[in-house]
Amino acid sequence: MSSVISAKNMSIEFPIYENSHRSFKKTLINLSTGGRIGKDAGKYPFVRALDNLNFEFNEGERVGLVGHNGSGKTTLLRVLAGVYAPVKGSLLSRGRIASLLDVSTGLDPDATGFENIYLRGIMDGLKPSIIKSKVDEIAEFTELGEYLNLPVRIYSSGMMLRLAFAISTSVDADIIIMDEWLSVGDEAFKNKAKKRLESLINKASLLVVATHDPKLINNVCTRKIHMEHGSILSDVAVEKIESVEAEND
């Protein structure tokens, strides 16, 4: 079956149960999330981070989400990745999803690099036999050598990112969810990581990425969705954007 993500009248709300200094907190929340403040039936204030969204992403599409910080892009990606569940409306997804939102999430600092490969694989829903078949390839890609036998807590931030990136991009997936384009390590490793990421995306049937980079939208995406305050302002084909820009030139 073809991969698809479909939302109908979907909303995400975050309740605020601590009401002291409410006006100050409302200001902070508005600034940080771009959401809208309301009250639920129990009179608790809440932030509506996504407001009544309707869309369908189909196989073959490369969808780029744009908008200022707090527009709802990352919240939407987390919903698509299964981190949050809609409080209203519905969300349907079909196909195996790989989330590249925060690749270092889930690493156990007290476990070794090799142990973390298994732990992350299990978190991603992989069977131990599948993880075992990927260990050597992941280890080789990291270029960490004997450090993989040591606890991750002694790693530098760059070493940890190498390990996390190698694990996260080793999973074959139908749908890729990304928050900005991943770039890790020195120049030599960045080039290798770029090729690996491009290969993963090319094999996937559907990509959804949030970005502030217009070049990424034009080079990679087939569709551009502009978000503001948790709502979709526009949803257009990238080809149409390019043709309009060409006419203006």
C-alpha atoms as a PDB file:
ATOM      1  CA  MET A   1       0.000   0.000   0.000  1.00  0.00           C
ATOM      2  CA  SER A   2       1.131   3.551  -0.689  1.00  0.00           C
ATOM      3  CA  SER A   3       2.315   5.830   2.100  1.00  0.00           C
ATOM      4  CA  VAL A   4      -0.007   8.602   3.222  1.00  0.00           C
ATOM      5  CA  ILE A   5      -0.543  11.061   6.080  1.00  0.00           C
ATOM      6  CA  SER A   6      -3.981  12.640   6.374  1.00  0.00           C
ATOM      7  CA  ALA A   7      -5.365  15.100   8.943  1.00  0.00           C
ATOM      8  CA  LYS A   8      -8.980  16.211   9.313  1.00  0.00           C
ATOM      9  CA  ASN A   9      -9.914  19.117  11.593  1.00  0.00           C
ATOM     10  CA  MET A  10      -6.886  18.262  13.740  1.00  0.00           C
ATOM     11  CA  SER A  11      -6.036  20.385  16.792  1.00  0.00           C
ATOM     12  CA  ILE A  12      -3.371  20.121  19.481  1.00  0.00           C
ATOM     13  CA  GLU A  13      -3.830  21.827  22.851  1.00  0.00           C
ATOM     14  CA  PHE A  14      -1.506  22.027  25.852  1.00  0.00           C
ATOM     15  CA  PRO A  15      -3.269  22.701  29.197  1.00  0.00           C
ATOM     16  CA  ILE A  16      -1.753  25.089  31.753  1.00  0.00           C
ATOM     17  CA  TYR A  17      -2.592  23.837  35.238  1.00  0.00           C
ATOM     18  CA  GLU A  18      -0.495  26.287  37.249  1.00  0.00           C
ATOM     19  CA  ASN A  19      -2.419  29.558  37.216  1.00  0.00           C
ATOM     20  CA  SER A  20      -0.257  31.799  39.393  1.00  0.00           C
ATOM     21  CA  HIS A  21       1.231  34.777  37.551  1.00  0.00           C
ATOM     22  CA  ARG A  22      -1.061  33.815  34.701  1.00  0.00           C
ATOM     23  CA  SER A  23      -0.719  36.977  32.636  1.00  0.00           C
ATOM     24  CA  PHE A  24       3.080  36.691  32.704  1.00  0.00           C
ATOM     25  CA  LYS A  25       2.938  33.031  31.709  1.00  0.00           C
ATOM     26  CA  LYS A  26       0.492  33.766  28.919  1.00  0.00           C
ATOM     27  CA  THR A  27       2.930  36.292  27.523  1.00  0.00           C
ATOM     28  CA  LEU A  28       5.806  33.821  27.656  1.00  0.00           C
ATOM     29  CA  ILE A  29       3.763  31.063  26.068  1.00  0.00           C
ATOM     30  CA  ASN A  30       2.598  33.304  23.252  1.00  0.00           C
ATOM     31  CA  LEU A  31       6.159  34.343  22.546  1.00  0.00           C
ATOM     32  CA  SER A  32       7.576  30.814  22.672  1.00  0.00           C
ATOM     33  CA  THR A  33       4.862  28.829  20.912  1.00  0.00           C
ATOM     34  CA  GLY A  34       2.948  31.245  18.741  1.00  0.00           C
ATOM     35  CA  GLY A  35      -0.158  29.443  19.964  1.00  0.00           C
ATOM     36  CA  ARG A  36      -3.495  30.885  21.001  1.00  0.00           C
ATOM     37  CA  ILE A  37      -4.631  31.063  24.642  1.00  0.00           C
ATOM     38  CA  GLY A  38      -8.062  29.716  25.563  1.00  0.00           C
ATOM     39  CA  LYS A  39      -9.938  27.951  28.373  1.00  0.00           C
ATOM     40  CA  ASP A  40     -11.186  24.392  28.467  1.00  0.00           C
ATOM     41  CA  ALA A  41     -14.441  23.171  30.042  1.00  0.00           C
ATOM     42  CA  GLY A  42     -12.743  22.983  33.432  1.00  0.00           C
ATOM     43  CA  LYS A  43     -11.742  26.651  33.164  1.00  0.00           C
ATOM     44  CA  TYR A  44      -8.059  25.781  32.856  1.00  0.00           C
ATOM     45  CA  PRO A  45      -6.175  27.929  30.355  1.00  0.00           C
ATOM     46  CA  PHE A  46      -4.569  26.118  27.431  1.00  0.00           C
ATOM     47  CA  VAL A  47      -2.450  26.840  24.408  1.00  0.00           C
ATOM     48  CA  ARG A  48      -3.833  25.724  21.061  1.00  0.00           C
ATOM     49  CA  ALA A  49      -0.590  24.918  19.282  1.00  0.00           C
ATOM     50  CA  LEU A  50      -2.274  23.530  16.138  1.00  0.00           C
ATOM     51  CA  ASP A  51      -5.677  24.813  15.092  1.00  0.00           C
ATOM     52  CA  ASN A  52      -8.075  22.757  12.961  1.00  0.00           C
ATOM     53  CA  LEU A  53      -5.584  21.511  10.368  1.00  0.00           C
ATOM     54  CA  ASN A  54      -6.671  19.712   7.204  1.00  0.00           C
ATOM     55  CA  PHE A  55      -4.157  18.201   4.778  1.00  0.00           C
ATOM     56  CA  GLU A  56      -3.117  15.037   2.958  1.00  0.00           C
ATOM     57  CA  PHE A  57       0.477  14.079   2.175  1.00  0.00           C
ATOM     58  CA  ASN A  58       0.771  11.376  -0.469  1.00  0.00           C
ATOM     59  CA  GLU A  59       3.430   9.007  -1.709  1.00  0.00           C
ATOM     60  CA  GLY A  60       6.156  10.694  -3.739  1.00  0.00           C
ATOM     61  CA  GLU A  61       5.717  14.107  -2.122  1.00  0.00           C
ATOM     62  CA  ARG A  62       8.467  16.103  -0.440  1.00  0.00           C
ATOM     63  CA  VAL A  63       6.673  18.518   1.887  1.00  0.00           C
ATOM     64  CA  GLY A  64       8.444  21.581   3.311  1.00  0.00           C
ATOM     65  CA  LEU A  65       7.011  23.384   6.348  1.00  0.00           C
ATOM     66  CA  VAL A  66       7.955  27.055   6.713  1.00  0.00           C
ATOM     67  CA  GLY A  67       7.082  29.845   9.142  1.00  0.00           C
ATOM     68  CA  HIS A  68       8.671  31.816  11.965  1.00  0.00           C
ATOM     69  CA  ASN A  69       9.766  30.182  15.223  1.00  0.00           C
ATOM     70  CA  GLY A  70       6.638  29.269  17.151  1.00  0.00           C
ATOM     71  CA  SER A  71       4.414  28.943  14.093  1.00  0.00           C
ATOM     72  CA  GLY A  72       3.634  25.299  14.864  1.00  0.00           C
ATOM     73  CA  LYS A  73       6.047  23.540  12.500  1.00  0.00           C
ATOM     74  CA  THR A  74       7.865  21.459  15.124  1.00  0.00           C
ATOM     75  CA  THR A  75       4.630  20.670  16.970  1.00  0.00           C
ATOM     76  CA  LEU A  76       3.168  19.341  13.728  1.00  0.00           C
ATOM     77  CA  LEU A  77       6.253  17.209  13.105  1.00  0.00           C
ATOM     78  CA  ARG A  78       5.982  15.749  16.602  1.00  0.00           C
ATOM     79  CA  VAL A  79       2.338  14.892  15.996  1.00  0.00           C
ATOM     80  CA  LEU A  80       3.268  13.170  12.736  1.00  0.00           C
ATOM     81  CA  ALA A  81       6.009  11.266  14.569  1.00  0.00           C
ATOM     82  CA  GLY A  82       3.568  10.092  17.251  1.00  0.00           C
ATOM     83  CA  VAL A  83       4.939  12.179  20.126  1.00  0.00           C
ATOM     84  CA  TYR A  84       1.641  14.070  20.597  1.00  0.00           C
ATOM     85  CA  ALA A  85      -1.893  12.893  19.921  1.00  0.00           C
ATOM     86  CA  PRO A  86      -4.626  15.188  18.537  1.00  0.00           C
ATOM     87  CA  VAL A  87      -7.159  16.414  21.092  1.00  0.00           C
ATOM     88  CA  LYS A  88      -9.644  17.144  18.304  1.00  0.00           C
ATOM     89  CA  GLY A  89     -10.073  15.791  14.796  1.00  0.00           C
ATOM     90  CA  SER A  90      -8.133  12.859  13.397  1.00  0.00           C
ATOM     91  CA  LEU A  91      -4.745  11.891  12.001  1.00  0.00           C
ATOM     92  CA  LEU A  92      -4.170   8.879   9.753  1.00  0.00           C
ATOM     93  CA  SER A  93      -0.741   7.640   8.703  1.00  0.00           C
ATOM     94  CA  ARG A  94       0.175   4.602   6.623  1.00  0.00           C
ATOM     95  CA  GLY A  95       3.778   3.473   6.255  1.00  0.00           C
ATOM     96  CA  ARG A  96       6.814   3.030   8.521  1.00  0.00           C
ATOM     97  CA  ILE A  97       7.912   6.392   9.971  1.00  0.00           C
ATOM     98  CA  ALA A  98      11.478   7.407  10.828  1.00  0.00           C
ATOM     99  CA  SER A  99      11.732  10.507  13.014  1.00  0.00           C
ATOM    100  CA  LEU A 100      14.864  12.665  12.727  1.00  0.00           C
ATOM    101  CA  LEU A 101      13.627  15.415  15.044  1.00  0.00           C
ATOM    102  CA  ASP A 102      16.205  15.039  17.830  1.00  0.00           C
ATOM    103  CA  VAL A 103      18.626  12.298  16.910  1.00  0.00           C
ATOM    104  CA  SER A 104      20.368  12.278  20.312  1.00  0.00           C
ATOM    105  CA  THR A 105      17.151  11.630  22.244  1.00  0.00           C
ATOM    106  CA  GLY A 106      17.150   8.260  23.951  1.00  0.00           C
ATOM    107  CA  LEU A 107      20.905   7.761  24.260  1.00  0.00           C
ATOM    108  CA  ASP A 108      21.813   6.310  27.666  1.00  0.00           C
ATOM    109  CA  PRO A 109      24.979   8.060  28.926  1.00  0.00           C
ATOM    110  CA  ASP A 110      25.922   5.113  31.144  1.00  0.00           C
ATOM    111  CA  ALA A 111      25.608   2.553  28.340  1.00  0.00           C
ATOM    112  CA  THR A 112      28.332   1.925  25.788  1.00  0.00           C
ATOM    113  CA  GLY A 113      28.062   2.974  22.177  1.00  0.00           C
ATOM    114  CA  PHE A 114      27.289  -0.590  21.126  1.00  0.00           C
ATOM    115  CA  GLU A 115      24.640  -0.933  23.846  1.00  0.00           C
ATOM    116  CA  ASN A 116      23.033   2.308  22.717  1.00  0.00           C
ATOM    117  CA  ILE A 117      22.734   0.957  19.182  1.00  0.00           C
ATOM    118  CA  TYR A 118      20.558  -1.846  20.565  1.00  0.00           C
ATOM    119  CA  LEU A 119      18.626   0.437  22.935  1.00  0.00           C
ATOM    120  CA  ARG A 120      17.751   2.941  20.199  1.00  0.00           C
ATOM    121  CA  GLY A 121      16.871   0.153  17.807  1.00  0.00           C
ATOM    122  CA  ILE A 122      14.431  -1.304  20.314  1.00  0.00           C
ATOM    123  CA  MET A 123      12.930   2.163  20.897  1.00  0.00           C
ATOM    124  CA  ASP A 124      12.416   2.417  17.132  1.00  0.00           C
ATOM    125  CA  GLY A 125      10.519  -0.860  17.193  1.00  0.00           C
ATOM    126  CA  LEU A 126      13.176  -3.023  15.550  1.00  0.00           C
ATOM    127  CA  LYS A 127      13.604  -6.702  16.370  1.00  0.00           C
ATOM    128  CA  PRO A 128      16.944  -7.679  17.985  1.00  0.00           C
ATOM    129  CA  SER A 129      17.833  -9.753  14.916  1.00  0.00           C
ATOM    130  CA  ILE A 130      17.406  -6.701  12.671  1.00  0.00           C
ATOM    131  CA  ILE A 131      19.476  -4.532  15.006  1.00  0.00           C
ATOM    132  CA  LYS A 132      22.233  -7.156  15.080  1.00  0.00           C
ATOM    133  CA  SER A 133      22.393  -7.144  11.293  1.00  0.00           C
ATOM    134  CA  LYS A 134      22.968  -3.373  11.304  1.00  0.00           C
ATOM    135  CA  VAL A 135      25.525  -3.084  14.132  1.00  0.00           C
ATOM    136  CA  ASP A 136      28.691  -3.485  12.043  1.00  0.00           C
ATOM    137  CA  GLU A 137      27.513  -1.011   9.408  1.00  0.00           C
ATOM    138  CA  ILE A 138      26.525   1.568  12.045  1.00  0.00           C
ATOM    139  CA  ALA A 139      29.823   1.125  13.902  1.00  0.00           C
ATOM    140  CA  GLU A 140      31.858   1.559  10.710  1.00  0.00           C
ATOM    141  CA  PHE A 141      29.937   4.679   9.728  1.00  0.00           C
ATOM    142  CA  THR A 142      30.556   6.404  13.087  1.00  0.00           C
ATOM    143  CA  GLU A 143      34.350   6.003  12.783  1.00  0.00           C
ATOM    144  CA  LEU A 144      34.433   5.841  16.599  1.00  0.00           C
ATOM    145  CA  GLY A 145      36.383   2.573  16.772  1.00  0.00           C
ATOM    146  CA  GLU A 146      37.099   1.354  20.300  1.00  0.00           C
ATOM    147  CA  TYR A 147      35.130   4.246  21.788  1.00  0.00           C
ATOM    148  CA  LEU A 148      32.001   2.231  21.018  1.00  0.00           C
ATOM    149  CA  ASN A 149      33.016  -0.089  23.871  1.00  0.00           C
ATOM    150  CA  LEU A 150      33.035   2.832  26.326  1.00  0.00           C
ATOM    151  CA  PRO A 151      30.178   4.684  28.085  1.00  0.00           C
ATOM    152  CA  VAL A 152      28.631   7.453  26.004  1.00  0.00           C
ATOM    153  CA  ARG A 153      29.029   9.912  28.912  1.00  0.00           C
ATOM    154  CA  ILE A 154      32.742  10.260  28.090  1.00  0.00           C
ATOM    155  CA  TYR A 155      32.012  11.162  24.452  1.00  0.00           C
ATOM    156  CA  SER A 156      32.383  14.684  23.164  1.00  0.00           C
ATOM    157  CA  SER A 157      29.215  16.267  21.764  1.00  0.00           C
ATOM    158  CA  GLY A 158      30.510  15.630  18.249  1.00  0.00           C
ATOM    159  CA  MET A 159      31.116  11.943  18.937  1.00  0.00           C
ATOM    160  CA  MET A 160      27.663  11.579  20.448  1.00  0.00           C
ATOM    161  CA  LEU A 161      26.070  13.198  17.391  1.00  0.00           C
ATOM    162  CA  ARG A 162      27.985  10.847  15.098  1.00  0.00           C
ATOM    163  CA  LEU A 163      26.649   7.843  16.970  1.00  0.00           C
ATOM    164  CA  ALA A 164      23.099   9.176  17.153  1.00  0.00           C
ATOM    165  CA  PHE A 165      23.087  10.147  13.471  1.00  0.00           C
ATOM    166  CA  ALA A 166      24.397   6.757  12.369  1.00  0.00           C
ATOM    167  CA  ILE A 167      21.731   4.935  14.380  1.00  0.00           C
ATOM    168  CA  SER A 168      18.842   7.196  13.330  1.00  0.00           C
ATOM    169  CA  THR A 169      19.674   7.018   9.624  1.00  0.00           C
ATOM    170  CA  SER A 170      20.186   3.228   9.579  1.00  0.00           C
ATOM    171  CA  VAL A 171      16.435   2.557   9.662  1.00  0.00           C
ATOM    172  CA  ASP A 172      14.665   1.939   6.372  1.00  0.00           C
ATOM    173  CA  ALA A 173      11.450   3.923   6.382  1.00  0.00           C
ATOM    174  CA  ASP A 174       8.561   4.833   4.107  1.00  0.00           C
ATOM    175  CA  ILE A 175       8.075   8.263   5.707  1.00  0.00           C
ATOM    176  CA  ILE A 176      10.844  10.588   6.933  1.00  0.00           C
ATOM    177  CA  ILE A 177      10.041  13.339   9.466  1.00  0.00           C
ATOM    178  CA  MET A 178      12.792  15.977   9.855  1.00  0.00           C
ATOM    179  CA  ASP A 179      13.273  19.267  11.679  1.00  0.00           C
ATOM    180  CA  GLU A 180      15.895  21.097   9.600  1.00  0.00           C
ATOM    181  CA  TRP A 181      18.557  19.311   7.567  1.00  0.00           C
ATOM    182  CA  LEU A 182      20.957  17.326   9.745  1.00  0.00           C
ATOM    183  CA  SER A 183      24.634  18.267   9.611  1.00  0.00           C
ATOM    184  CA  VAL A 184      27.176  16.640  11.937  1.00  0.00           C
ATOM    185  CA  GLY A 185      30.937  16.381  12.394  1.00  0.00           C
ATOM    186  CA  ASP A 186      33.895  17.832  10.512  1.00  0.00           C
ATOM    187  CA  GLU A 187      33.854  18.527   6.769  1.00  0.00           C
ATOM    188  CA  ALA A 188      34.829  14.981   5.764  1.00  0.00           C
ATOM    189  CA  PHE A 189      32.162  13.437   7.970  1.00  0.00           C
ATOM    190  CA  LYS A 190      29.578  16.047   6.909  1.00  0.00           C
ATOM    191  CA  ASN A 191      30.005  15.005   3.288  1.00  0.00           C
ATOM    192  CA  LYS A 192      29.563  11.354   4.203  1.00  0.00           C
ATOM    193  CA  ALA A 193      26.555  12.172   6.389  1.00  0.00           C
ATOM    194  CA  LYS A 194      24.996  14.241   3.577  1.00  0.00           C
ATOM    195  CA  LYS A 195      25.243  11.333   1.124  1.00  0.00           C
ATOM    196  CA  ARG A 196      23.753   8.937   3.680  1.00  0.00           C
ATOM    197  CA  LEU A 197      20.861  11.303   4.422  1.00  0.00           C
ATOM    198  CA  GLU A 198      20.175  11.891   0.734  1.00  0.00           C
ATOM    199  CA  SER A 199      20.139   8.145   0.125  1.00  0.00           C
ATOM    200  CA  LEU A 200      17.687   7.615   2.997  1.00  0.00           C
ATOM    201  CA  ILE A 201      15.373  10.334   1.695  1.00  0.00           C
ATOM    202  CA  ASN A 202      15.570   9.140  -1.907  1.00  0.00           C
ATOM    203  CA  LYS A 203      14.487   5.656  -0.820  1.00  0.00           C
ATOM    204  CA  ALA A 204      11.620   6.991   1.304  1.00  0.00           C
ATOM    205  CA  SER A 205       8.269   7.463  -0.385  1.00  0.00           C
ATOM    206  CA  LEU A 206       7.315  10.555   1.635  1.00  0.00           C
ATOM    207  CA  LEU A 207       9.309  13.350   3.322  1.00  0.00           C
ATOM    208  CA  VAL A 208       8.068  16.083   5.666  1.00  0.00           C
ATOM    209  CA  VAL A 209      10.716  18.620   6.732  1.00  0.00           C
ATOM    210  CA  ALA A 210      10.530  21.917   8.622  1.00  0.00           C
ATOM    211  CA  THR A 211      13.112  24.472   7.582  1.00  0.00           C
ATOM    212  CA  HIS A 212      14.060  28.144   7.381  1.00  0.00           C
ATOM    213  CA  ASP A 213      16.214  27.516   4.307  1.00  0.00           C
ATOM    214  CA  PRO A 214      14.575  28.603   0.998  1.00  0.00           C
ATOM    215  CA  LYS A 215      17.246  26.709  -0.982  1.00  0.00           C
ATOM    216  CA  LEU A 216      16.299  23.444   0.729  1.00  0.00           C
ATOM    217  CA  ILE A 217      12.659  24.023  -0.182  1.00  0.00           C
ATOM    218  CA  ASN A 218      13.521  24.691  -3.829  1.00  0.00           C
ATOM    219  CA  ASN A 219      16.096  21.900  -4.157  1.00  0.00           C
ATOM    220  CA  VAL A 220      14.337  19.113  -2.277  1.00  0.00           C
ATOM    221  CA  CYS A 221      10.633  19.800  -1.817  1.00  0.00           C
ATOM    222  CA  THR A 222       7.689  19.459  -4.188  1.00  0.00           C
ATOM    223  CA  ARG A 223       5.253  21.217  -1.875  1.00  0.00           C
ATOM    224  CA  LYS A 224       5.508  24.176   0.513  1.00  0.00           C
ATOM    225  CA  ILE A 225       3.226  24.763   3.501  1.00  0.00           C
ATOM    226  CA  HIS A 226       3.397  28.125   5.277  1.00  0.00           C
ATOM    227  CA  MET A 227       2.292  28.011   8.926  1.00  0.00           C
ATOM    228  CA  GLU A 228       1.432  30.813  11.348  1.00  0.00           C
ATOM    229  CA  HIS A 229       0.038  30.565  14.903  1.00  0.00           C
ATOM    230  CA  GLY A 230      -0.715  26.884  14.478  1.00  0.00           C
ATOM    231  CA  SER A 231      -2.686  27.340  11.254  1.00  0.00           C
ATOM    232  CA  ILE A 232      -1.895  26.743   7.584  1.00  0.00           C
ATOM    233  CA  LEU A 233      -1.735  30.016   5.660  1.00  0.00           C
ATOM    234  CA  SER A 234      -0.858  28.531   2.290  1.00  0.00           C
ATOM    235  CA  ASP A 235      -0.198  25.155   0.688  1.00  0.00           C
ATOM    236  CA  VAL A 236       1.275  25.308  -2.817  1.00  0.00           C
ATOM    237  CA  ALA A 237       3.437  23.308  -5.196  1.00  0.00           C
ATOM    238  CA  VAL A 238       7.083  24.381  -5.242  1.00  0.00           C
ATOM    239  CA  GLU A 239       7.011  24.436  -9.064  1.00  0.00           C
ATOM    240  CA  LYS A 240       4.373  27.180  -8.885  1.00  0.00           C
ATOM    241  CA  ILE A 241       6.544  29.203  -6.500  1.00  0.00           C
ATOM    242  CA  GLU A 242       9.517  28.944  -8.848  1.00  0.00           C
ATOM    243  CA  SER A 243       7.484  29.912 -11.919  1.00  0.00           C
ATOM    244  CA  VAL A 244       6.083  33.000 -10.168  1.00  0.00           C
ATOM    245  CA  GLU A 245       9.570  34.053  -9.084  1.00  0.00           C
ATOM    246  CA  ALA A 246      10.837  33.555 -12.652  1.00  0.00           C
ATOM    247  CA  GLU A 247       8.044  35.757 -14.030  1.00  0.00           C
ATOM    248  CA  ASN A 248       8.856  38.493 -11.500  1.00  0.00           C
ATOM    249  CA  ASP A 249      12.497  38.405 -12.545  1.00  0.00           C
END
